[in-house]
N, C-alpha and C. Protein backbone atom coordinates (compact mmCIF):
# COMPACT_ATOMS: atom_id res chain seq x y z
N MET A 1 26.69 2.98 16.82
CA MET A 1 25.61 2.05 17.01
C MET A 1 26.21 0.68 17.30
N GLY A 2 25.61 -0.03 18.23
CA GLY A 2 26.13 -1.34 18.61
C GLY A 2 25.97 -2.36 17.49
N THR A 3 26.85 -3.35 17.51
CA THR A 3 26.80 -4.36 16.44
C THR A 3 25.54 -5.21 16.53
N ALA A 4 25.05 -5.47 17.75
CA ALA A 4 23.83 -6.27 17.90
C ALA A 4 22.63 -5.53 17.31
N LEU A 5 22.57 -4.23 17.53
CA LEU A 5 21.47 -3.42 17.01
C LEU A 5 21.54 -3.37 15.48
N LYS A 6 22.71 -3.19 14.95
CA LYS A 6 22.91 -3.14 13.50
C LYS A 6 22.51 -4.47 12.86
N LYS A 7 22.89 -5.57 13.50
CA LYS A 7 22.57 -6.90 13.00
C LYS A 7 21.05 -7.13 13.03
N ALA A 8 20.39 -6.68 14.08
CA ALA A 8 18.94 -6.82 14.20
C ALA A 8 18.22 -6.01 13.12
N GLN A 9 18.71 -4.79 12.85
CA GLN A 9 18.11 -3.95 11.81
C GLN A 9 18.23 -4.60 10.43
N GLU A 10 19.40 -5.16 10.16
CA GLU A 10 19.61 -5.82 8.87
C GLU A 10 18.71 -7.03 8.71
N GLU A 11 18.51 -7.79 9.78
CA GLU A 11 17.64 -8.96 9.73
C GLU A 11 16.18 -8.57 9.50
N ILE A 12 15.73 -7.52 10.17
CA ILE A 12 14.36 -7.03 9.99
C ILE A 12 14.16 -6.55 8.55
N LYS A 13 15.13 -5.80 8.04
CA LYS A 13 15.03 -5.30 6.67
C LYS A 13 14.98 -6.45 5.67
N ARG A 14 15.77 -7.47 5.90
CA ARG A 14 15.79 -8.64 5.00
C ARG A 14 14.44 -9.34 5.01
N GLN A 15 13.82 -9.49 6.18
CA GLN A 15 12.51 -10.15 6.29
C GLN A 15 11.42 -9.34 5.59
N VAL A 16 11.44 -8.02 5.77
CA VAL A 16 10.42 -7.17 5.15
C VAL A 16 10.58 -7.14 3.63
N ASP A 17 11.81 -7.09 3.16
CA ASP A 17 12.06 -7.01 1.73
C ASP A 17 11.67 -8.28 0.98
N LYS A 18 11.51 -9.41 1.68
CA LYS A 18 11.08 -10.64 1.04
C LYS A 18 9.70 -10.47 0.42
N ARG A 19 8.81 -9.75 1.12
CA ARG A 19 7.42 -9.61 0.68
C ARG A 19 7.19 -8.38 -0.18
N ARG A 20 8.12 -7.45 -0.19
CA ARG A 20 7.91 -6.17 -0.86
C ARG A 20 8.12 -6.30 -2.37
N LYS A 21 7.21 -5.69 -3.11
CA LYS A 21 7.35 -5.62 -4.56
C LYS A 21 7.76 -4.18 -4.88
N GLU A 22 8.86 -4.02 -5.54
CA GLU A 22 9.37 -2.68 -5.82
C GLU A 22 8.43 -1.94 -6.76
N ALA A 23 8.34 -0.64 -6.60
CA ALA A 23 7.45 0.18 -7.42
C ALA A 23 7.89 0.21 -8.88
N GLU A 24 9.16 -0.03 -9.14
CA GLU A 24 9.62 -0.03 -10.52
C GLU A 24 8.95 -1.15 -11.31
N GLU A 25 8.50 -2.19 -10.62
CA GLU A 25 7.80 -3.29 -11.28
C GLU A 25 6.39 -2.86 -11.67
N TRP A 26 5.86 -1.83 -11.03
CA TRP A 26 4.55 -1.31 -11.38
C TRP A 26 4.72 -0.31 -12.52
N LYS A 27 3.76 -0.27 -13.40
CA LYS A 27 3.80 0.67 -14.51
C LYS A 27 2.57 1.55 -14.46
N LYS A 28 2.65 2.69 -15.11
CA LYS A 28 1.51 3.58 -15.22
C LYS A 28 0.40 2.81 -15.95
N GLU A 29 -0.82 3.02 -15.54
CA GLU A 29 -2.02 2.36 -16.08
C GLU A 29 -2.22 0.95 -15.54
N ASP A 30 -1.32 0.43 -14.69
CA ASP A 30 -1.60 -0.82 -14.00
C ASP A 30 -2.72 -0.57 -13.01
N LYS A 31 -3.42 -1.64 -12.63
CA LYS A 31 -4.50 -1.50 -11.66
C LYS A 31 -4.11 -2.21 -10.37
N VAL A 32 -4.45 -1.59 -9.24
CA VAL A 32 -4.17 -2.16 -7.93
C VAL A 32 -5.42 -2.13 -7.07
N MET A 33 -5.50 -3.05 -6.13
CA MET A 33 -6.61 -3.08 -5.18
C MET A 33 -6.16 -2.29 -3.94
N LEU A 34 -7.09 -1.55 -3.35
CA LEU A 34 -6.80 -0.72 -2.19
C LEU A 34 -7.34 -1.38 -0.94
N SER A 35 -6.50 -1.59 0.06
CA SER A 35 -6.91 -2.21 1.31
C SER A 35 -7.78 -1.24 2.10
N ILE A 36 -8.83 -1.77 2.74
CA ILE A 36 -9.72 -0.91 3.54
C ILE A 36 -9.37 -0.99 5.03
N LYS A 37 -8.23 -1.56 5.34
CA LYS A 37 -7.83 -1.76 6.73
C LYS A 37 -7.90 -0.46 7.55
N ASP A 38 -7.42 0.63 7.01
CA ASP A 38 -7.38 1.88 7.77
C ASP A 38 -8.38 2.92 7.26
N LEU A 39 -9.29 2.52 6.38
CA LEU A 39 -10.30 3.46 5.89
C LEU A 39 -11.50 3.48 6.84
N ALA A 40 -12.04 4.66 7.06
CA ALA A 40 -13.24 4.80 7.89
C ALA A 40 -14.45 4.69 6.98
N LEU A 41 -15.11 3.56 7.02
CA LEU A 41 -16.27 3.34 6.17
C LEU A 41 -17.55 3.52 6.98
N LYS A 42 -18.52 4.19 6.37
CA LYS A 42 -19.81 4.36 7.02
C LYS A 42 -20.72 3.22 6.60
N LYS A 43 -21.63 2.88 7.47
CA LYS A 43 -22.67 1.89 7.17
C LYS A 43 -22.11 0.54 6.74
N ARG A 44 -21.17 0.02 7.46
CA ARG A 44 -20.75 -1.33 7.14
C ARG A 44 -21.40 -2.27 8.15
N PRO A 45 -22.04 -3.32 7.68
CA PRO A 45 -22.83 -4.17 8.56
C PRO A 45 -21.98 -4.87 9.63
N ALA A 46 -20.92 -5.48 9.24
CA ALA A 46 -20.02 -6.15 10.17
C ALA A 46 -18.66 -6.22 9.51
N LYS A 47 -17.63 -6.04 10.30
CA LYS A 47 -16.28 -6.00 9.74
C LYS A 47 -15.94 -7.26 8.97
N LYS A 48 -16.38 -8.41 9.47
CA LYS A 48 -16.01 -9.66 8.81
C LYS A 48 -16.81 -9.92 7.54
N LEU A 49 -17.89 -9.16 7.31
CA LEU A 49 -18.70 -9.35 6.12
C LEU A 49 -18.32 -8.43 4.97
N VAL A 50 -17.44 -7.49 5.22
CA VAL A 50 -17.03 -6.52 4.20
C VAL A 50 -15.77 -7.03 3.52
N ASP A 51 -15.67 -6.79 2.20
CA ASP A 51 -14.45 -7.17 1.48
C ASP A 51 -13.25 -6.46 2.07
N GLN A 52 -12.08 -7.09 1.99
CA GLN A 52 -10.87 -6.51 2.57
C GLN A 52 -10.22 -5.49 1.63
N TYR A 53 -10.58 -5.53 0.36
CA TYR A 53 -10.01 -4.62 -0.62
C TYR A 53 -11.15 -4.01 -1.44
N VAL A 54 -10.94 -2.80 -1.93
CA VAL A 54 -11.94 -2.16 -2.78
C VAL A 54 -11.43 -2.10 -4.20
N SER A 55 -12.35 -1.89 -5.11
CA SER A 55 -12.15 -2.03 -6.55
C SER A 55 -10.78 -1.59 -7.05
N PRO A 56 -10.37 -2.15 -8.18
CA PRO A 56 -9.04 -1.81 -8.70
C PRO A 56 -8.97 -0.35 -9.17
N TYR A 57 -7.90 0.31 -8.77
CA TYR A 57 -7.68 1.70 -9.16
C TYR A 57 -6.45 1.79 -10.04
N ILE A 58 -6.46 2.73 -10.95
CA ILE A 58 -5.38 2.90 -11.92
C ILE A 58 -4.24 3.71 -11.31
N ILE A 59 -3.00 3.27 -11.56
CA ILE A 59 -1.82 4.00 -11.12
C ILE A 59 -1.56 5.14 -12.09
N ASN A 60 -1.52 6.36 -11.57
CA ASN A 60 -1.22 7.53 -12.41
C ASN A 60 0.28 7.77 -12.53
N GLU A 61 0.99 7.50 -11.43
CA GLU A 61 2.42 7.84 -11.41
C GLU A 61 3.11 7.02 -10.33
N VAL A 62 4.34 6.58 -10.61
CA VAL A 62 5.17 5.93 -9.60
C VAL A 62 6.01 7.02 -8.96
N VAL A 63 5.77 7.30 -7.67
CA VAL A 63 6.41 8.42 -6.98
C VAL A 63 7.80 8.03 -6.48
N SER A 64 7.91 6.90 -5.79
CA SER A 64 9.19 6.44 -5.29
C SER A 64 9.19 4.91 -5.29
N THR A 65 10.19 4.31 -4.68
CA THR A 65 10.31 2.85 -4.74
C THR A 65 9.16 2.12 -4.07
N ASN A 66 8.46 2.75 -3.15
CA ASN A 66 7.33 2.06 -2.51
C ASN A 66 6.08 2.94 -2.42
N MET A 67 5.98 3.96 -3.27
CA MET A 67 4.81 4.83 -3.27
C MET A 67 4.32 5.09 -4.69
N VAL A 68 2.99 5.05 -4.83
CA VAL A 68 2.38 5.33 -6.13
C VAL A 68 1.23 6.32 -5.95
N LYS A 69 0.94 7.05 -7.02
CA LYS A 69 -0.17 7.98 -7.02
C LYS A 69 -1.31 7.32 -7.79
N LEU A 70 -2.48 7.21 -7.15
CA LEU A 70 -3.61 6.52 -7.74
C LEU A 70 -4.66 7.49 -8.28
N GLN A 71 -5.43 7.00 -9.20
CA GLN A 71 -6.57 7.75 -9.73
C GLN A 71 -7.78 7.30 -8.91
N LEU A 72 -8.15 8.11 -7.90
CA LEU A 72 -9.24 7.76 -7.00
C LEU A 72 -10.45 8.66 -7.24
N PRO A 73 -11.65 8.16 -6.95
CA PRO A 73 -12.83 9.02 -7.06
C PRO A 73 -12.80 10.13 -6.03
N SER A 74 -13.43 11.24 -6.34
CA SER A 74 -13.42 12.39 -5.43
C SER A 74 -14.15 12.10 -4.12
N LEU A 75 -15.04 11.13 -4.11
CA LEU A 75 -15.78 10.78 -2.89
C LEU A 75 -14.89 10.12 -1.85
N MET A 76 -13.81 9.50 -2.29
CA MET A 76 -12.85 8.89 -1.35
C MET A 76 -12.00 10.01 -0.79
N ARG A 77 -12.11 10.24 0.46
CA ARG A 77 -11.39 11.36 1.06
C ARG A 77 -10.07 10.88 1.68
N ILE A 78 -9.21 10.37 0.82
CA ILE A 78 -7.88 9.96 1.27
C ILE A 78 -6.85 10.56 0.31
N HIS A 79 -5.62 10.54 0.73
CA HIS A 79 -4.53 11.09 -0.08
C HIS A 79 -4.33 10.22 -1.31
N LEU A 80 -4.03 10.83 -2.44
CA LEU A 80 -3.87 10.11 -3.69
C LEU A 80 -2.59 9.26 -3.73
N VAL A 81 -1.56 9.67 -2.97
CA VAL A 81 -0.31 8.93 -2.94
C VAL A 81 -0.38 7.93 -1.79
N VAL A 82 -0.20 6.64 -2.14
CA VAL A 82 -0.32 5.59 -1.13
C VAL A 82 0.93 4.72 -1.13
N ASN A 83 1.17 4.07 -0.02
CA ASN A 83 2.30 3.17 0.16
C ASN A 83 1.92 1.80 -0.39
N ILE A 84 2.82 1.17 -1.10
CA ILE A 84 2.61 -0.19 -1.55
C ILE A 84 3.62 -1.09 -0.88
N SER A 85 3.20 -2.31 -0.58
CA SER A 85 4.14 -3.25 0.02
C SER A 85 3.76 -4.65 -0.33
């Protein structure tokens, strides 16, 4: 791999890691807000009038350094393991 490419990858990783909170800092039973950015919601009046996050959900398990398993209601048809950043 070229040195310029390697240097660019390291710089991008450094920039992203500034904002990232490691999953080890999260504990079981902590509550997190879930972003609705990629959720398909029915009957929303206007995108700008809807909250950007939905109610706090309890963390059941820390899966990896940037993934947690949430306790979600059965009506939410998304995967229980979500990425945190």
